[in-house]
């Protein structure tokens, strides 16, 4: 006799809850919602029209004019927010454009806030890499090493400039020690005590940032392994997260998402503040390239990839598919 039918034994049939689309939807443990999606956007100084990014099909560097419609479209899609990155015409050793009120990122922020209103959260990337002629996320010392504390002074000024331009959430992505405490102190001392901080707490030195460097026209010399985390390390991510929370981070981030779902799950299990994840340019490019060759089902792959990030514990996801995905799930 089959053991499932012996006296006292109950048949085990998990498939009963997979029998129809309606049943699967009813018992789904994880769901996607447009409000949990954030769209990264690039704005290029001097551009007269949107400029396609070859390694990220469907993504562009916006002009300040095309940004207006893009923000309006994002708001209409019901997504939670946008994250702005500036692409300046001129760069220098200390990233002067990052703190210039008329620099491209601060100009774009004012435009986005005016267009988006209260419909979404306008967020800004607080890092020097787009603005420095050497492409690093901070100021270099005489030996070419990123000077942590000198960089913090630049971050303080950058944070105040972005808040003054109307940024509603500052995304600290530079991975300098003490950056959250430094920017929090600067904001509080300048009348921006209500401006929240998103800390890229566990940001790894990843190969999957490649297309992003085209998107921001990076001038990077060398690599960022002396300040971004080693991909081999899991516990270190939790140490960074704990430090950022203690310094006053309102939200913490794991970046990239795909290769670090274990770190993301750890963060979600312990963090007292919201945990987000960034589905980075390389993740986007791989799916788009495979789909273009007919090797995978594009829509299913996109949905599954973002669902997996949410299932691992992300409260919100930065993804270049935010608007398209929002249209599918609304």
Protein backbone atom coordinates (compact mmCIF):
# COMPACT_ATOMS: atom_id res chain seq x y z
CA UNK A 1 0.00 0.00 0.00
CA UNK A 2 1.22 3.48 -0.84
CA UNK A 3 2.53 5.13 2.35
CA UNK A 4 0.45 8.23 1.56
CA UNK A 5 -2.69 6.14 2.05
CA UNK A 6 -1.71 4.26 5.18
CA UNK A 7 -3.91 4.76 8.20
CA UNK A 8 -3.17 8.11 9.81
CA UNK A 9 -1.03 9.40 6.94
CA UNK A 10 -2.11 12.42 4.89
CA UNK A 11 -1.34 12.72 1.18
CA UNK A 12 1.13 15.52 0.43
CA UNK A 13 0.05 17.41 -2.66
CA UNK A 14 1.63 20.91 -2.84
CA UNK A 15 0.58 20.98 -6.49
CA UNK A 16 -3.02 21.62 -5.46
CA UNK A 17 -2.05 25.26 -4.92
CA UNK A 18 -0.48 25.53 -8.38
CA UNK A 19 -3.42 24.21 -10.36
CA UNK A 20 -4.65 27.41 -12.05
CA UNK A 21 -3.42 30.97 -12.65
CA UNK A 22 -6.03 32.27 -10.23
CA UNK A 23 -4.95 29.83 -7.53
CA UNK A 24 -1.27 30.68 -8.01
CA UNK A 25 -2.06 34.36 -7.78
CA UNK A 26 -4.11 33.84 -4.63
CA UNK A 27 -1.33 32.07 -2.73
CA UNK A 28 1.66 34.05 -4.08
CA UNK A 29 4.07 34.89 -1.27
CA UNK A 30 5.68 37.85 -3.05
CA UNK A 31 4.01 40.49 -5.21
CA UNK A 32 5.29 43.40 -7.23
CA UNK A 33 3.79 46.88 -7.06
CA UNK A 34 4.73 49.98 -9.07
CA UNK A 35 5.37 51.96 -5.88
CA UNK A 36 8.27 49.60 -5.07
CA UNK A 37 10.10 50.48 -8.31
CA UNK A 38 12.62 53.30 -8.79
CA UNK A 39 13.91 54.38 -12.21
CA UNK A 40 17.55 55.47 -12.60
CA UNK A 41 17.82 58.34 -15.10
CA UNK A 42 20.81 60.00 -16.76
CA UNK A 43 20.84 63.69 -17.71
CA UNK A 44 23.59 64.96 -20.02
CA UNK A 45 24.74 68.54 -19.99
CA UNK A 46 24.58 70.19 -23.40
CA UNK A 47 22.44 67.50 -25.00
CA UNK A 48 19.73 68.79 -27.33
CA UNK A 49 17.88 65.47 -27.52
CA UNK A 50 17.97 62.04 -25.86
CA UNK A 51 21.17 60.12 -26.65
CA UNK A 52 20.90 56.30 -26.75
CA UNK A 53 23.28 54.25 -24.60
CA UNK A 54 24.54 51.48 -26.87
CA UNK A 55 25.22 48.92 -24.11
CA UNK A 56 21.79 49.50 -22.53
CA UNK A 57 19.18 49.22 -25.29
CA UNK A 58 16.16 51.39 -24.54
CA UNK A 59 18.00 53.60 -22.02
CA UNK A 60 19.14 57.14 -22.91
CA UNK A 61 21.04 60.13 -21.63
CA UNK A 62 18.33 62.73 -21.37
CA UNK A 63 18.55 66.37 -22.28
CA UNK A 64 17.10 68.76 -19.73
CA UNK A 65 14.13 69.14 -22.06
CA UNK A 66 13.46 65.44 -22.61
CA UNK A 67 13.82 64.92 -18.86
CA UNK A 68 10.55 66.80 -18.32
CA UNK A 69 8.44 64.31 -20.25
CA UNK A 70 10.37 61.38 -18.81
CA UNK A 71 9.56 62.50 -15.27
CA UNK A 72 5.92 63.06 -16.20
CA UNK A 73 5.77 59.56 -17.69
CA UNK A 74 7.35 58.08 -14.56
CA UNK A 75 4.81 59.81 -12.37
CA UNK A 76 1.94 58.61 -14.58
CA UNK A 77 3.25 55.03 -14.33
CA UNK A 78 2.85 55.17 -10.56
CA UNK A 79 6.43 54.19 -9.74
CA UNK A 80 7.89 55.14 -6.38
CA UNK A 81 10.67 57.42 -7.53
CA UNK A 82 13.50 58.31 -9.86
CA UNK A 83 17.24 58.39 -9.17
CA UNK A 84 19.10 61.09 -11.09
CA UNK A 85 22.67 60.91 -12.37
CA UNK A 86 24.38 63.89 -14.00
CA UNK A 87 26.71 63.72 -17.00
CA UNK A 88 28.71 66.98 -17.09
CA UNK A 89 30.54 68.50 -20.05
CA UNK A 90 33.58 69.41 -17.95
CA UNK A 91 35.34 67.50 -15.17
CA UNK A 92 38.20 68.26 -12.80
CA UNK A 93 40.17 66.63 -10.01
CA UNK A 94 37.73 67.48 -7.23
CA UNK A 95 34.46 67.23 -9.16
CA UNK A 96 33.59 70.92 -8.92
CA UNK A 97 30.44 70.46 -10.99
CA UNK A 98 28.92 68.33 -8.25
CA UNK A 99 28.57 71.31 -5.91
CA UNK A 100 27.89 74.01 -8.50
CA UNK A 101 24.24 75.14 -8.16
CA UNK A 102 24.21 75.38 -11.96
CA UNK A 103 25.86 71.98 -12.42
CA UNK A 104 23.89 69.50 -14.49
CA UNK A 105 22.73 67.28 -11.61
CA UNK A 106 21.45 70.20 -9.54
CA UNK A 107 19.74 71.76 -12.57
CA UNK A 108 18.15 68.40 -13.42
CA UNK A 109 16.97 68.01 -9.84
CA UNK A 110 15.10 71.30 -9.92
CA UNK A 111 13.47 70.34 -13.23
CA UNK A 112 12.46 66.90 -11.97
CA UNK A 113 10.99 68.25 -8.74
CA UNK A 114 8.97 70.83 -10.68
CA UNK A 115 7.65 68.20 -13.09
CA UNK A 116 7.10 65.35 -10.63
CA UNK A 117 5.51 67.27 -7.80
CA UNK A 118 4.29 64.96 -5.06
CA UNK A 119 3.66 62.03 -7.42
CA UNK A 120 7.06 60.40 -6.86
CA UNK A 121 10.27 60.84 -4.88
CA UNK A 122 13.06 62.66 -6.72
CA UNK A 123 16.36 61.15 -5.60
CA UNK A 124 19.92 62.13 -6.46
CA UNK A 125 23.16 60.20 -6.67
CA UNK A 126 25.65 61.67 -4.21
CA UNK A 127 29.04 60.60 -5.54
CA UNK A 128 31.89 62.34 -7.33
CA UNK A 129 32.70 59.74 -9.98
CA UNK A 130 30.64 61.38 -12.74
CA UNK A 131 32.32 64.73 -12.05
CA UNK A 132 36.01 63.87 -11.59
CA UNK A 133 38.50 63.74 -14.45
CA UNK A 134 40.05 60.59 -12.95
CA UNK A 135 36.68 58.87 -12.50
CA UNK A 136 37.08 57.93 -8.86
CA UNK A 137 34.39 58.49 -6.25
CA UNK A 138 36.55 60.85 -4.22
CA UNK A 139 39.49 63.22 -4.04
CA UNK A 140 42.93 61.74 -4.72
CA UNK A 141 46.01 62.34 -2.57
CA UNK A 142 49.53 62.90 -3.90
CA UNK A 143 49.97 59.15 -4.36
CA UNK A 144 46.76 58.70 -6.37
CA UNK A 145 44.94 57.06 -3.45
CA UNK A 146 41.37 58.13 -2.66
CA UNK A 147 41.61 60.35 0.42
CA UNK A 148 38.66 59.32 2.58
CA UNK A 149 38.41 62.38 4.83
CA UNK A 150 39.06 64.95 2.12
CA UNK A 151 36.32 63.25 0.12
CA UNK A 152 33.90 63.55 3.05
CA UNK A 153 34.27 67.33 2.89
CA UNK A 154 33.24 67.26 -0.74
CA UNK A 155 30.30 64.99 0.10
CA UNK A 156 29.14 67.39 2.80
CA UNK A 157 29.04 70.25 0.30
CA UNK A 158 27.45 68.05 -2.35
CA UNK A 159 24.72 66.95 0.03
CA UNK A 160 23.80 70.53 0.91
CA UNK A 161 23.82 71.55 -2.77
CA UNK A 162 21.51 68.69 -3.71
CA UNK A 163 19.12 69.34 -0.84
CA UNK A 164 19.04 73.04 -1.73
CA UNK A 165 18.12 72.04 -5.30
CA UNK A 166 15.14 70.11 -3.98
CA UNK A 167 16.37 66.52 -3.82
CA UNK A 168 13.97 64.52 -1.69
CA UNK A 169 16.40 61.66 -0.95
CA UNK A 170 20.19 61.66 -1.15
CA UNK A 171 21.74 58.42 -2.43
CA UNK A 172 25.21 58.15 -0.91
CA UNK A 173 26.98 55.71 -3.22
CA UNK A 174 30.68 56.51 -2.78
CA UNK A 175 31.51 53.90 -0.11
CA UNK A 176 33.67 56.26 1.95
CA UNK A 177 33.98 55.44 5.65
CA UNK A 178 31.85 57.85 7.70
CA UNK A 179 29.98 59.31 4.73
CA UNK A 180 26.52 59.01 6.28
CA UNK A 181 27.53 60.77 9.51
CA UNK A 182 29.32 63.53 7.57
CA UNK A 183 26.43 64.27 5.22
CA UNK A 184 23.85 63.99 8.00
CA UNK A 185 25.77 66.55 10.04
CA UNK A 186 26.05 68.90 7.07
CA UNK A 187 22.35 68.63 6.25
CA UNK A 188 21.26 69.18 9.84
CA UNK A 189 23.57 72.18 10.19
CA UNK A 190 22.24 73.78 6.99
CA UNK A 191 18.52 73.58 7.69
CA UNK A 192 17.88 70.32 5.83
CA UNK A 193 17.20 68.11 8.81
CA UNK A 194 14.17 66.59 7.10
CA UNK A 195 16.08 65.41 4.03
CA UNK A 196 16.55 61.62 4.28
CA UNK A 197 19.65 59.62 3.36
CA UNK A 198 19.81 56.42 1.35
CA UNK A 199 23.12 54.72 2.14
CA UNK A 200 24.63 52.36 -0.40
CA UNK A 201 25.73 50.27 2.56
CA UNK A 202 26.85 47.09 0.79
CA UNK A 203 28.20 48.16 -2.59
CA UNK A 204 30.53 45.67 -4.20
CA UNK A 205 33.38 46.16 -6.69
CA UNK A 206 31.44 44.41 -9.42
CA UNK A 207 32.04 43.59 -13.07
CA UNK A 208 28.36 44.26 -13.70
CA UNK A 209 28.79 48.05 -13.66
CA UNK A 210 30.32 48.05 -17.14
CA UNK A 211 27.44 49.58 -19.15
CA UNK A 212 26.89 52.23 -16.46
CA UNK A 213 30.33 53.62 -17.20
CA UNK A 214 29.22 54.32 -20.74
CA UNK A 215 26.02 55.87 -19.42
CA UNK A 216 27.88 58.43 -17.29
CA UNK A 217 30.89 58.71 -19.65
CA UNK A 218 33.19 57.61 -16.85
CA UNK A 219 36.83 58.73 -16.85
CA UNK A 220 37.85 55.98 -14.46
CA UNK A 221 41.54 55.15 -14.22
CA UNK A 222 42.26 51.86 -12.46
CA UNK A 223 39.55 50.34 -10.29
CA UNK A 224 37.60 50.99 -7.08
CA UNK A 225 38.60 47.96 -5.06
CA UNK A 226 40.16 50.00 -2.26
CA UNK A 227 36.76 51.39 -1.26
CA UNK A 228 34.02 49.22 -2.79
CA UNK A 229 33.56 45.81 -1.15
CA UNK A 230 35.27 42.59 -2.18
CA UNK A 231 32.75 40.25 -3.89
CA UNK A 232 34.10 37.41 -1.74
CA UNK A 233 32.79 38.91 1.49
CA UNK A 234 29.31 38.38 2.93
CA UNK A 235 29.64 39.31 6.62
CA UNK A 236 31.39 42.53 5.72
CA UNK A 237 28.16 43.71 4.11
CA UNK A 238 26.38 43.48 7.45
CA UNK A 239 29.18 45.38 9.16
CA UNK A 240 28.82 48.20 6.65
CA UNK A 241 25.05 48.19 7.06
CA UNK A 242 25.27 48.39 10.85
CA UNK A 243 27.70 51.30 10.65
CA UNK A 244 25.49 53.25 8.24
CA UNK A 245 22.38 52.71 10.35
CA UNK A 246 24.28 53.85 13.45
CA UNK A 247 25.37 56.99 11.58
CA UNK A 248 21.78 57.88 10.72
CA UNK A 249 20.92 56.25 7.39
CA UNK A 250 17.17 56.26 6.76
CA UNK A 251 17.37 53.52 4.09
CA UNK A 252 20.18 51.12 3.16
CA UNK A 253 21.08 49.64 -0.20
CA UNK A 254 22.65 46.45 -1.53
CA UNK A 255 24.30 46.82 -4.96
CA UNK A 256 24.36 44.92 -7.29
CA UNK A 257 21.29 42.79 -6.66
CA UNK A 258 21.61 39.62 -8.74
CA UNK A 259 24.96 38.33 -7.47
CA UNK A 260 24.36 39.42 -3.88
CA UNK A 261 20.93 38.03 -2.99
CA UNK A 262 22.47 36.36 0.07
CA UNK A 263 23.72 39.73 1.33
CA UNK A 264 20.33 41.24 0.57
CA UNK A 265 18.54 38.51 2.52
CA UNK A 266 20.91 39.03 5.45
CA UNK A 267 20.25 42.76 5.39
CA UNK A 268 16.48 42.33 5.21
CA UNK A 269 16.54 39.94 8.17
CA UNK A 270 18.37 42.34 10.47
CA UNK A 271 17.95 45.93 9.30
CA UNK A 272 15.74 48.25 11.37
CA UNK A 273 15.32 50.54 8.34
CA UNK A 274 14.07 49.83 4.80
CA UNK A 275 16.38 47.81 2.55
CA UNK A 276 16.59 48.48 -1.17
CA UNK A 277 18.53 46.83 -3.98
CA UNK A 278 19.88 48.11 -7.30
CA UNK A 279 19.43 45.93 -10.38
CA UNK A 280 22.47 47.34 -12.13
CA UNK A 281 23.32 48.07 -15.75
CA UNK A 282 25.05 44.74 -16.40
CA UNK A 283 22.03 42.80 -15.17
CA UNK A 284 19.83 44.85 -17.50
CA UNK A 285 22.19 44.46 -20.46
CA UNK A 286 22.49 40.68 -20.11
CA UNK A 287 18.75 40.10 -20.18
CA UNK A 288 18.23 42.53 -23.05
CA UNK A 289 21.03 40.91 -25.08
CA UNK A 290 19.81 37.36 -24.50
CA UNK A 291 16.24 38.35 -25.32
CA UNK A 292 17.36 40.12 -28.51
CA UNK A 293 18.89 36.82 -29.65
CA UNK A 294 15.69 34.95 -28.86
CA UNK A 295 17.41 32.89 -26.18
CA UNK A 296 15.02 33.82 -23.35
CA UNK A 297 11.50 35.16 -22.96
CA UNK A 298 12.16 38.85 -22.30
CA UNK A 299 9.08 39.71 -20.27
CA UNK A 300 9.22 36.58 -18.14
CA UNK A 301 12.93 37.07 -17.48
CA UNK A 302 12.42 40.70 -16.44
CA UNK A 303 9.53 39.86 -14.13
CA UNK A 304 11.34 36.88 -12.60
CA UNK A 305 14.54 38.83 -12.02
CA UNK A 306 12.82 41.66 -10.16
CA UNK A 307 10.54 39.28 -8.29
CA UNK A 308 13.62 37.38 -7.11
CA UNK A 309 15.11 40.57 -5.71
CA UNK A 310 11.89 41.36 -3.87
CA UNK A 311 11.64 37.76 -2.61
CA UNK A 312 15.16 38.02 -1.19
CA UNK A 313 13.96 40.91 0.94
CA UNK A 314 14.24 44.19 -0.96
CA UNK A 315 11.53 46.66 0.03
CA UNK A 316 12.13 48.54 -3.23
CA UNK A 317 14.18 47.94 -6.37
CA UNK A 318 16.08 50.35 -8.60
CA UNK A 319 15.62 48.99 -12.11
CA UNK A 320 15.84 50.38 -15.63
CA UNK A 321 12.64 48.50 -16.42
CA UNK A 322 10.64 50.37 -13.76
CA UNK A 323 8.13 52.05 -16.08
CA UNK A 324 7.67 49.08 -18.39
CA UNK A 325 7.30 46.67 -15.48
CA UNK A 326 4.86 49.01 -13.75
CA UNK A 327 2.66 48.90 -16.85
CA UNK A 328 2.60 45.11 -16.79
CA UNK A 329 1.66 44.76 -13.14
CA UNK A 330 -0.82 47.60 -12.69
